[in-house]
Structure formats: structure tokens, C-alpha cells
PDB file of N, CA and C in Angstrom:
ATOM      1  N   MET A   1     -84.656  26.151-117.328  1.00  0.00           N
ATOM      2  CA  MET A   1     -83.880  25.109-117.942  1.00  0.00           C
ATOM      3  C   MET A   1     -82.409  25.286-117.573  1.00  0.00           C
ATOM      4  N   GLU A   2     -81.746  24.183-117.404  1.00  0.00           N
ATOM      5  CA  GLU A   2     -80.344  24.197-117.025  1.00  0.00           C
ATOM      6  C   GLU A   2     -79.475  24.408-118.255  1.00  0.00           C
ATOM      7  N   GLU A   3     -78.561  25.366-118.158  1.00  0.00           N
ATOM      8  CA  GLU A   3     -77.673  25.656-119.277  1.00  0.00           C
ATOM      9  C   GLU A   3     -76.464  24.733-119.237  1.00  0.00           C
ATOM     10  N   ARG A   4     -76.168  24.089-120.353  1.00  0.00           N
ATOM     11  CA  ARG A   4     -75.014  23.190-120.440  1.00  0.00           C
ATOM     12  C   ARG A   4     -73.781  24.020-120.769  1.00  0.00           C
ATOM     13  N   ARG A   5     -72.740  23.914-119.952  1.00  0.00           N
ATOM     14  CA  ARG A   5     -71.503  24.652-120.178  1.00  0.00           C
ATOM     15  C   ARG A   5     -70.443  23.691-120.683  1.00  0.00           C
ATOM     16  N   ARG A   6     -69.673  24.142-121.648  1.00  0.00           N
ATOM     17  CA  ARG A   6     -68.587  23.321-122.179  1.00  0.00           C
ATOM     18  C   ARG A   6     -67.353  23.524-121.313  1.00  0.00           C
ATOM     19  N   ILE A   7     -66.772  22.418-120.882  1.00  0.00           N
ATOM     20  CA  ILE A   7     -65.575  22.442-120.057  1.00  0.00           C
ATOM     21  C   ILE A   7     -64.366  22.282-120.976  1.00  0.00           C
ATOM     22  N   PRO A   8     -63.381  23.198-120.893  1.00  0.00           N
ATOM     23  CA  PRO A   8     -62.167  23.019-121.713  1.00  0.00           C
ATOM     24  C   PRO A   8     -61.487  21.687-121.406  1.00  0.00           C
ATOM     25  N   PHE A   9     -60.886  21.107-122.424  1.00  0.00           N
ATOM     26  CA  PHE A   9     -60.299  19.774-122.318  1.00  0.00           C
ATOM     27  C   PHE A   9     -59.249  19.683-121.213  1.00  0.00           C
ATOM     28  N   LEU A  10     -58.405  20.700-121.083  1.00  0.00           N
ATOM     29  CA  LEU A  10     -57.346  20.658-120.082  1.00  0.00           C
ATOM     30  C   LEU A  10     -57.876  20.804-118.659  1.00  0.00           C
ATOM     31  N   LEU A  11     -59.025  21.416-118.488  1.00  0.00           N
ATOM     32  CA  LEU A  11     -59.597  21.602-117.155  1.00  0.00           C
ATOM     33  C   LEU A  11     -60.562  20.489-116.770  1.00  0.00           C
ATOM     34  N   TRP A  12     -60.845  19.565-117.683  1.00  0.00           N
ATOM     35  CA  TRP A  12     -61.818  18.521-117.409  1.00  0.00           C
ATOM     36  C   TRP A  12     -61.461  17.651-116.211  1.00  0.00           C
ATOM     37  N   PRO A  13     -60.196  17.219-116.022  1.00  0.00           N
ATOM     38  CA  PRO A  13     -59.893  16.385-114.842  1.00  0.00           C
ATOM     39  C   PRO A  13     -60.203  17.091-113.516  1.00  0.00           C
ATOM     40  N   PHE A  14     -59.892  18.391-113.438  1.00  0.00           N
ATOM     41  CA  PHE A  14     -60.195  19.139-112.220  1.00  0.00           C
ATOM     42  C   PHE A  14     -61.694  19.244-111.996  1.00  0.00           C
ATOM     43  N   TRP A  15     -62.440  19.477-113.089  1.00  0.00           N
ATOM     44  CA  TRP A  15     -63.891  19.566-113.006  1.00  0.00           C
ATOM     45  C   TRP A  15     -64.483  18.223-112.562  1.00  0.00           C
ATOM     46  N   ALA A  16     -63.939  17.123-113.092  1.00  0.00           N
ATOM     47  CA  ALA A  16     -64.448  15.798-112.745  1.00  0.00           C
ATOM     48  C   ALA A  16     -64.199  15.477-111.276  1.00  0.00           C
ATOM     49  N   VAL A  17     -63.007  15.804-110.766  1.00  0.00           N
ATOM     50  CA  VAL A  17     -62.711  15.561-109.350  1.00  0.00           C
ATOM     51  C   VAL A  17     -63.602  16.419-108.477  1.00  0.00           C
ATOM     52  N   PHE A  18     -63.816  17.672-108.863  1.00  0.00           N
ATOM     53  CA  PHE A  18     -64.695  18.554-108.089  1.00  0.00           C
ATOM     54  C   PHE A  18     -66.122  18.019-108.074  1.00  0.00           C
ATOM     55  N   GLN A  19     -66.598  17.501-109.191  1.00  0.00           N
ATOM     56  CA  GLN A  19     -67.938  16.923-109.240  1.00  0.00           C
ATOM     57  C   GLN A  19     -68.030  15.682-108.364  1.00  0.00           C
ATOM     58  N   LEU A  20     -66.951  14.872-108.326  1.00  0.00           N
ATOM     59  CA  LEU A  20     -66.916  13.704-107.452  1.00  0.00           C
ATOM     60  C   LEU A  20     -66.982  14.116-105.987  1.00  0.00           C
ATOM     61  N   VAL A  21     -66.233  15.153-105.623  1.00  0.00           N
ATOM     62  CA  VAL A  21     -66.254  15.658-104.249  1.00  0.00           C
ATOM     63  C   VAL A  21     -67.648  16.155-103.890  1.00  0.00           C
ATOM     64  N   LEU A  22     -68.283  16.882-104.792  1.00  0.00           N
ATOM     65  CA  LEU A  22     -69.647  17.368-104.533  1.00  0.00           C
ATOM     66  C   LEU A  22     -70.623  16.208-104.344  1.00  0.00           C
ATOM     67  N   TRP A  23     -70.485  15.179-105.164  1.00  0.00           N
ATOM     68  CA  TRP A  23     -71.387  14.041-105.043  1.00  0.00           C
ATOM     69  C   TRP A  23     -71.193  13.331-103.706  1.00  0.00           C
ATOM     70  N   ILE A  24     -69.934  13.148-103.288  1.00  0.00           N
ATOM     71  CA  ILE A  24     -69.655  12.493-102.004  1.00  0.00           C
ATOM     72  C   ILE A  24     -70.249  13.294-100.864  1.00  0.00           C
ATOM     73  N   LEU A  25     -70.081  14.607-100.882  1.00  0.00           N
ATOM     74  CA  LEU A  25     -70.607  15.439 -99.799  1.00  0.00           C
ATOM     75  C   LEU A  25     -72.129  15.460 -99.775  1.00  0.00           C
ATOM     76  N   LYS A  26     -72.757  15.440-100.929  1.00  0.00           N
ATOM     77  CA  LYS A  26     -74.218  15.420-100.963  1.00  0.00           C
ATOM     78  C   LYS A  26     -74.770  14.120-100.382  1.00  0.00           C
ATOM     79  N   THR A  27     -74.068  13.026-100.629  1.00  0.00           N
ATOM     80  CA  THR A  27     -74.594  11.742-100.178  1.00  0.00           C
ATOM     81  C   THR A  27     -74.203  11.391 -98.753  1.00  0.00           C
ATOM     82  N   THR A  28     -73.103  11.891 -98.274  1.00  0.00           N
ATOM     83  CA  THR A  28     -72.656  11.470 -96.948  1.00  0.00           C
ATOM     84  C   THR A  28     -72.814  12.529 -95.870  1.00  0.00           C
ATOM     85  N   GLY A  29     -72.885  13.765 -96.256  1.00  0.00           N
ATOM     86  CA  GLY A  29     -72.983  14.815 -95.263  1.00  0.00           C
ATOM     87  C   GLY A  29     -71.621  15.411 -94.947  1.00  0.00           C
ATOM     88  N   ARG A  30     -71.644  16.537 -94.282  1.00  0.00           N
ATOM     89  CA  ARG A  30     -70.407  17.280 -94.030  1.00  0.00           C
ATOM     90  C   ARG A  30     -69.468  16.579 -93.069  1.00  0.00           C
ATOM     91  N   LEU A  31     -69.975  16.070 -91.981  1.00  0.00           N
ATOM     92  CA  LEU A  31     -69.102  15.452 -90.988  1.00  0.00           C
ATOM     93  C   LEU A  31     -68.439  14.192 -91.532  1.00  0.00           C
ATOM     94  N   VAL A  32     -69.226  13.345 -92.143  1.00  0.00           N
ATOM     95  CA  VAL A  32     -68.674  12.118 -92.710  1.00  0.00           C
ATOM     96  C   VAL A  32     -67.742  12.455 -93.867  1.00  0.00           C
ATOM     97  N   GLY A  33     -68.063  13.500 -94.630  1.00  0.00           N
ATOM     98  CA  GLY A  33     -67.187  13.927 -95.712  1.00  0.00           C
ATOM     99  C   GLY A  33     -65.842  14.405 -95.194  1.00  0.00           C
ATOM    100  N   ALA A  34     -65.845  15.144 -94.085  1.00  0.00           N
ATOM    101  CA  ALA A  34     -64.585  15.611 -93.502  1.00  0.00           C
ATOM    102  C   ALA A  34     -63.766  14.436 -92.965  1.00  0.00           C
ATOM    103  N   ILE A  35     -64.422  13.500 -92.315  1.00  0.00           N
ATOM    104  CA  ILE A  35     -63.717  12.323 -91.790  1.00  0.00           C
ATOM    105  C   ILE A  35     -63.160  11.483 -92.944  1.00  0.00           C
ATOM    106  N   LEU A  36     -63.960  11.289 -93.975  1.00  0.00           N
ATOM    107  CA  LEU A  36     -63.511  10.531 -95.139  1.00  0.00           C
ATOM    108  C   LEU A  36     -62.338  11.228 -95.824  1.00  0.00           C
ATOM    109  N   GLY A  37     -62.386  12.545 -95.919  1.00  0.00           N
ATOM    110  CA  GLY A  37     -61.285  13.299 -96.498  1.00  0.00           C
ATOM    111  C   GLY A  37     -60.009  13.145 -95.697  1.00  0.00           C
ATOM    112  N   MET A  38     -60.138  13.153 -94.366  1.00  0.00           N
ATOM    113  CA  MET A  38     -58.960  12.980 -93.520  1.00  0.00           C
ATOM    114  C   MET A  38     -58.354  11.593 -93.699  1.00  0.00           C
ATOM    115  N   VAL A  39     -59.198  10.589 -93.775  1.00  0.00           N
ATOM    116  CA  VAL A  39     -58.709   9.218 -93.964  1.00  0.00           C
ATOM    117  C   VAL A  39     -58.019   9.082 -95.319  1.00  0.00           C
ATOM    118  N   ILE A  40     -58.603   9.649 -96.361  1.00  0.00           N
ATOM    119  CA  ILE A  40     -57.998   9.577 -97.695  1.00  0.00           C
ATOM    120  C   ILE A  40     -56.655  10.298 -97.704  1.00  0.00           C
ATOM    121  N   ALA A  41     -56.574  11.445 -97.032  1.00  0.00           N
ATOM    122  CA  ALA A  41     -55.309  12.189 -96.979  1.00  0.00           C
ATOM    123  C   ALA A  41     -54.242  11.397 -96.219  1.00  0.00           C
ATOM    124  N   ILE A  42     -54.618  10.763 -95.118  1.00  0.00           N
ATOM    125  CA  ILE A  42     -53.653   9.964 -94.347  1.00  0.00           C
ATOM    126  C   ILE A  42     -53.156   8.776 -95.164  1.00  0.00           C
ATOM    127  N   VAL A  43     -54.068   8.109 -95.870  1.00  0.00           N
ATOM    128  CA  VAL A  43     -53.659   6.993 -96.726  1.00  0.00           C
ATOM    129  C   VAL A  43     -52.719   7.489 -97.823  1.00  0.00           C
ATOM    130  N   GLY A  44     -52.997   8.661 -98.373  1.00  0.00           N
ATOM    131  CA  GLY A  44     -52.119   9.231 -99.387  1.00  0.00           C
ATOM    132  C   GLY A  44     -50.733   9.539 -98.852  1.00  0.00           C
ATOM    133  N   VAL A  45     -50.657  10.059 -97.613  1.00  0.00           N
ATOM    134  CA  VAL A  45     -49.358  10.344 -97.006  1.00  0.00           C
ATOM    135  C   VAL A  45     -48.589   9.050 -96.768  1.00  0.00           C
ATOM    136  N   VAL A  46     -49.268   8.023 -96.282  1.00  0.00           N
ATOM    137  CA  VAL A  46     -48.607   6.737 -96.037  1.00  0.00           C
ATOM    138  C   VAL A  46     -48.092   6.143 -97.354  1.00  0.00           C
ATOM    139  N   LEU A  47     -48.882   6.242 -98.414  1.00  0.00           N
ATOM    140  CA  LEU A  47     -48.435   5.727 -99.709  1.00  0.00           C
ATOM    141  C   LEU A  47     -47.285   6.549-100.280  1.00  0.00           C
ATOM    142  N   SER A  48     -47.245   7.832 -99.954  1.00  0.00           N
ATOM    143  CA  SER A  48     -46.205   8.702-100.502  1.00  0.00           C
ATOM    144  C   SER A  48     -44.837   8.457 -99.878  1.00  0.00           C
ATOM    145  N   ILE A  49     -44.766   7.668 -98.831  1.00  0.00           N
ATOM    146  CA  ILE A  49     -43.475   7.369 -98.211  1.00  0.00           C
ATOM    147  C   ILE A  49     -42.590   6.612 -99.198  1.00  0.00           C
ATOM    148  N   THR A  50     -43.180   5.736 -99.986  1.00  0.00           N
ATOM    149  CA  THR A  50     -42.403   5.015-100.991  1.00  0.00           C
ATOM    150  C   THR A  50     -42.436   5.792-102.309  1.00  0.00           C
ATOM    151  N   VAL A  51     -41.409   5.638-103.109  1.00  0.00           N
ATOM    152  CA  VAL A  51     -41.339   6.371-104.377  1.00  0.00           C
ATOM    153  C   VAL A  51     -42.419   5.884-105.341  1.00  0.00           C
ATOM    154  N   ILE A  52     -42.622   4.588-105.404  1.00  0.00           N
ATOM    155  CA  ILE A  52     -43.628   4.024-106.312  1.00  0.00           C
ATOM    156  C   ILE A  52     -45.035   4.430-105.852  1.00  0.00           C
ATOM    157  N   GLY A  53     -45.267   4.423-104.553  1.00  0.00           N
ATOM    158  CA  GLY A  53     -46.585   4.781-104.030  1.00  0.00           C
ATOM    159  C   GLY A  53     -46.909   6.245-104.160  1.00  0.00           C
ATOM    160  N   ALA A  54     -45.897   7.095-104.392  1.00  0.00           N
ATOM    161  CA  ALA A  54     -46.137   8.530-104.524  1.00  0.00           C
ATOM    162  C   ALA A  54     -46.988   8.848-105.750  1.00  0.00           C
ATOM    163  N   ILE A  55     -46.926   7.984-106.747  1.00  0.00           N
ATOM    164  CA  ILE A  55     -47.733   8.195-107.953  1.00  0.00           C
ATOM    165  C   ILE A  55     -49.214   8.174-107.608  1.00  0.00           C
ATOM    166  N   ILE A  56     -49.616   7.339-106.681  1.00  0.00           N
ATOM    167  CA  ILE A  56     -51.012   7.259-106.250  1.00  0.00           C
ATOM    168  C   ILE A  56     -51.228   8.096-104.994  1.00  0.00           C
ATOM    169  N   GLY A  57     -50.215   8.220-104.155  1.00  0.00           N
ATOM    170  CA  GLY A  57     -50.353   8.892-102.866  1.00  0.00           C
ATOM    171  C   GLY A  57     -50.588  10.385-102.965  1.00  0.00           C
ATOM    172  N   VAL A  58     -49.858  11.055-103.847  1.00  0.00           N
ATOM    173  CA  VAL A  58     -49.997  12.511-103.968  1.00  0.00           C
ATOM    174  C   VAL A  58     -51.403  12.903-104.429  1.00  0.00           C
ATOM    175  N   PRO A  59     -51.971  12.280-105.462  1.00  0.00           N
ATOM    176  CA  PRO A  59     -53.355  12.618-105.809  1.00  0.00           C
ATOM    177  C   PRO A  59     -54.351  12.295-104.688  1.00  0.00           C
ATOM    178  N   LEU A  60     -54.093  11.227-103.931  1.00  0.00           N
ATOM    179  CA  LEU A  60     -54.980  10.924-102.807  1.00  0.00           C
ATOM    180  C   LEU A  60     -54.916  12.005-101.739  1.00  0.00           C
ATOM    181  N   VAL A  61     -53.721  12.517-101.459  1.00  0.00           N
ATOM    182  CA  VAL A  61     -53.594  13.602-100.485  1.00  0.00           C
ATOM    183  C   VAL A  61     -54.374  14.827-100.970  1.00  0.00           C
ATOM    184  N   LEU A  62     -54.215  15.166-102.237  1.00  0.00           N
ATOM    185  CA  LEU A  62     -54.924  16.319-102.778  1.00  0.00           C
ATOM    186  C   LEU A  62     -56.435  16.118-102.735  1.00  0.00           C
ATOM    187  N   LEU A  63     -56.894  14.927-103.076  1.00  0.00           N
ATOM    188  CA  LEU A  63     -58.326  14.640-103.020  1.00  0.00           C
ATOM    189  C   LEU A  63     -58.843  14.734-101.586  1.00  0.00           C
ATOM    190  N   GLY A  64     -58.087  14.211-100.631  1.00  0.00           N
ATOM    191  CA  GLY A  64     -58.495  14.281 -99.234  1.00  0.00           C
ATOM    192  C   GLY A  64     -58.563  15.702 -98.723  1.00  0.00           C
ATOM    193  N   ILE A  65     -57.585  16.528 -99.086  1.00  0.00           N
ATOM    194  CA  ILE A  65     -57.593  17.927 -98.662  1.00  0.00           C
ATOM    195  C   ILE A  65     -58.761  18.678 -99.292  1.00  0.00           C
ATOM    196  N   MET A  66     -59.006  18.412-100.575  1.00  0.00           N
ATOM    197  CA  MET A  66     -60.150  19.053-101.231  1.00  0.00           C
ATOM    198  C   MET A  66     -61.462  18.647-100.574  1.00  0.00           C
ATOM    199  N   LEU A  67     -61.585  17.390-100.240  1.00  0.00           N
ATOM    200  CA  LEU A  67     -62.804  16.888 -99.606  1.00  0.00           C
ATOM    201  C   LEU A  67     -63.007  17.516 -98.235  1.00  0.00           C
ATOM    202  N   MET A  68     -61.950  17.610 -97.438  1.00  0.00           N
ATOM    203  CA  MET A  68     -62.060  18.240 -96.114  1.00  0.00           C
ATOM    204  C   MET A  68     -62.381  19.728 -96.252  1.00  0.00           C
ATOM    205  N   GLY A  69     -61.735  20.403 -97.189  1.00  0.00           N
ATOM    206  CA  GLY A  69     -62.001  21.831 -97.383  1.00  0.00           C
ATOM    207  C   GLY A  69     -63.423  22.099 -97.805  1.00  0.00           C
ATOM    208  N   LYS A  70     -63.937  21.288 -98.692  1.00  0.00           N
ATOM    209  CA  LYS A  70     -65.325  21.460 -99.131  1.00  0.00           C
ATOM    210  C   LYS A  70     -66.307  21.143 -98.013  1.00  0.00           C
ATOM    211  N   ALA A  71     -65.988  20.157 -97.193  1.00  0.00           N
ATOM    212  CA  ALA A  71     -66.875  19.796 -96.092  1.00  0.00           C
ATOM    213  C   ALA A  71     -66.900  20.881 -95.028  1.00  0.00           C
ATOM    214  N   ILE A  72     -65.750  21.498 -94.766  1.00  0.00           N
ATOM    215  CA  ILE A  72     -65.685  22.500 -93.706  1.00  0.00           C
ATOM    216  C   ILE A  72     -66.189  23.856 -94.175  1.00  0.00           C
ATOM    217  N   PHE A  73     -65.749  24.305 -95.339  1.00  0.00           N
ATOM    218  CA  PHE A  73     -66.053  25.664 -95.794  1.00  0.00           C
ATOM    219  C   PHE A  73     -67.202  25.745 -96.796  1.00  0.00           C
ATOM    220  N   GLY A  74     -67.622  24.621 -97.352  1.00  0.00           N
ATOM    221  CA  GLY A  74     -68.626  24.673 -98.413  1.00  0.00           C
ATOM    222  C   GLY A  74     -69.973  24.517 -97.885  1.00  0.00           C
TER     223      GLY A  74
END
């Protein structure tokens, strides 16, 4: 039986993003996951050029880097 673990409230956003990355990699595969991560990171960098876009761009860059790292090393 699978044991249910309680995630602390402050760590929940990180856990949720990690679960999203795992789901994407399971469904698309490593190569497509790495390419998708690179595209998301590039879009995040382009959005970060403007001050208003940095609010969305910085998390996109982080998500893209996490996705590429998981695809390559995971």
C-alpha cells in the first residue's frame, strides 16, 4: 500500500511544480521534455526583458531549467 505523506504548507508549491515536471516527463519522454524545457526557458528569458513580464518570465525560466535538468539527469 502506498503511504500518504503530508507536505508542509510552505513547501507545497515546490512539490506541486515537481509533480507537474514528473507528469510531463512521464507523458512526453526525455527528449521531448528537454526540448520543451528549453523552449519554456527561452520564452521566460524573452518575457523577463520587460519589467512587467519578469513576474511571469522568471518562474518560466525556473520551470524550464527544472524540466531540462530532470530530463537529462533523472
